[in-house]
C-alpha atoms as a PDB file:
ATOM      1  CA  MET A   1       8.527  -6.172 -24.747  1.00  0.00           C
ATOM      2  CA  GLU A   2      12.023  -4.902 -24.482  1.00  0.00           C
ATOM      3  CA  THR A   3      12.815  -2.596 -21.524  1.00  0.00           C
ATOM      4  CA  THR A   4      15.282   0.203 -20.952  1.00  0.00           C
ATOM      5  CA  THR A   5      16.367   2.264 -18.006  1.00  0.00           C
ATOM      6  CA  ILE A   6      15.799   6.013 -17.815  1.00  0.00           C
ATOM      7  CA  ALA A   7      17.174   8.372 -15.170  1.00  0.00           C
ATOM      8  CA  ILE A   8      14.757  10.773 -13.552  1.00  0.00           C
ATOM      9  CA  ASN A   9      15.279  12.855 -10.428  1.00  0.00           C
ATOM     10  CA  THR A  10      13.534  11.951  -7.194  1.00  0.00           C
ATOM     11  CA  MET A  11      11.051  14.820  -7.399  1.00  0.00           C
ATOM     12  CA  VAL A  12       9.854  13.660 -10.854  1.00  0.00           C
ATOM     13  CA  LYS A  13       9.478  10.090  -9.535  1.00  0.00           C
ATOM     14  CA  GLU A  14       7.380  11.303  -6.601  1.00  0.00           C
ATOM     15  CA  GLU A  15       5.227  13.476  -8.855  1.00  0.00           C
ATOM     16  CA  MET A  16       4.745  10.586 -11.331  1.00  0.00           C
ATOM     17  CA  GLN A  17       3.659   8.259  -8.553  1.00  0.00           C
ATOM     18  CA  GLN A  18       0.665  10.551  -7.886  1.00  0.00           C
ATOM     19  CA  PHE A  19      -0.743   9.603 -11.297  1.00  0.00           C
ATOM     20  CA  GLY A  20      -0.497   5.874 -10.700  1.00  0.00           C
ATOM     21  CA  ASN A  21      -2.584   3.325  -8.866  1.00  0.00           C
ATOM     22  CA  LYS A  22      -1.334   0.612  -6.588  1.00  0.00           C
ATOM     23  CA  GLY A  23       0.237  -2.138  -8.619  1.00  0.00           C
ATOM     24  CA  GLU A  24       0.778  -0.076 -11.768  1.00  0.00           C
ATOM     25  CA  SER A  25       4.253  -0.064 -13.260  1.00  0.00           C
ATOM     26  CA  TYR A  26       6.047   3.103 -14.223  1.00  0.00           C
ATOM     27  CA  SER A  27       5.551   2.086 -17.857  1.00  0.00           C
ATOM     28  CA  GLU A  28       1.802   1.965 -17.293  1.00  0.00           C
ATOM     29  CA  ILE A  29       1.801   5.318 -15.625  1.00  0.00           C
ATOM     30  CA  ILE A  30       3.842   6.907 -18.384  1.00  0.00           C
ATOM     31  CA  LEU A  31       1.593   5.434 -21.060  1.00  0.00           C
ATOM     32  CA  LYS A  32      -1.455   6.827 -19.229  1.00  0.00           C
ATOM     33  CA  LEU A  33       0.203  10.257 -19.073  1.00  0.00           C
ATOM     34  CA  ILE A  34       1.116  10.096 -22.807  1.00  0.00           C
ATOM     35  CA  LYS A  35      -2.480   9.124 -23.734  1.00  0.00           C
ATOM     36  CA  SER A  36      -3.811  12.038 -21.661  1.00  0.00           C
ATOM     37  CA  ALA A  37      -1.396  14.447 -23.246  1.00  0.00           C
ATOM     38  CA  LYS A  38      -2.386  13.280 -26.774  1.00  0.00           C
ATOM     39  CA  GLU A  39      -6.090  13.683 -25.912  1.00  0.00           C
ATOM     40  CA  ARG A  40      -5.386  17.211 -24.580  1.00  0.00           C
ATOM     41  CA  GLN A  41      -3.497  18.159 -27.737  1.00  0.00           C
ATOM     42  CA  LEU A  42      -6.370  16.946 -29.887  1.00  0.00           C
ATOM     43  CA  HIS A  43      -8.852  18.829 -27.755  1.00  0.00           C
ATOM     44  CA  ASP A  44      -6.753  22.007 -28.055  1.00  0.00           C
ATOM     45  CA  ILE A  45      -6.576  21.610 -31.825  1.00  0.00           C
ATOM     46  CA  LEU A  46     -10.289  21.042 -32.224  1.00  0.00           C
ATOM     47  CA  MET A  47     -11.297  23.870 -29.844  1.00  0.00           C
ATOM     48  CA  ASP A  48      -8.835  26.422 -31.270  1.00  0.00           C
ATOM     49  CA  GLU A  49     -10.868  29.474 -32.320  1.00  0.00           C
ATOM     50  CA  ARG A  50      -8.173  31.045 -34.538  1.00  0.00           C
ATOM     51  CA  GLY A  51      -9.651  31.128 -37.993  1.00  0.00           C
ATOM     52  CA  PHE A  52     -13.024  30.200 -36.526  1.00  0.00           C
ATOM     53  CA  VAL A  53     -16.088  31.352 -38.506  1.00  0.00           C
ATOM     54  CA  PRO A  54     -19.482  31.279 -36.775  1.00  0.00           C
ATOM     55  CA  ILE A  55     -21.967  29.021 -38.501  1.00  0.00           C
ATOM     56  CA  GLU A  56     -24.354  31.912 -39.191  1.00  0.00           C
ATOM     57  CA  GLU A  57     -21.583  33.764 -41.053  1.00  0.00           C
ATOM     58  CA  ALA A  58     -20.601  30.650 -42.976  1.00  0.00           C
ATOM     59  CA  LEU A  59     -24.246  30.030 -44.020  1.00  0.00           C
ATOM     60  CA  LYS A  60     -24.598  33.669 -45.245  1.00  0.00           C
ATOM     61  CA  GLU A  61     -21.421  33.345 -47.252  1.00  0.00           C
ATOM     62  CA  ALA A  62     -22.546  30.039 -48.745  1.00  0.00           C
ATOM     63  CA  GLU A  63     -25.889  31.587 -49.738  1.00  0.00           C
ATOM     64  CA  LYS A  64     -24.058  34.444 -51.505  1.00  0.00           C
ATOM     65  CA  ARG A  65     -21.795  32.043 -53.369  1.00  0.00           C
ATOM     66  CA  TRP A  66     -24.360  29.424 -54.212  1.00  0.00           C
ATOM     67  CA  PRO A  67     -27.873  30.942 -54.208  1.00  0.00           C
ATOM     68  CA  LYS A  68     -30.739  28.483 -54.417  1.00  0.00           C
END
């Protein structure tokens, strides 16, 4: 895999090291952080209650629209 160099300040480097384990490369740490961020975004989307309709209300509405 091709590599590149990125510049980060010392504080960011020290903070990032807290997320890694001995022997992990910075690439591995960054990938782990990206995976965690993506999982968090998905969680936030799935748990967002804006537009949320309780199941009881949805069932009542369905019964009105499509009576048995």
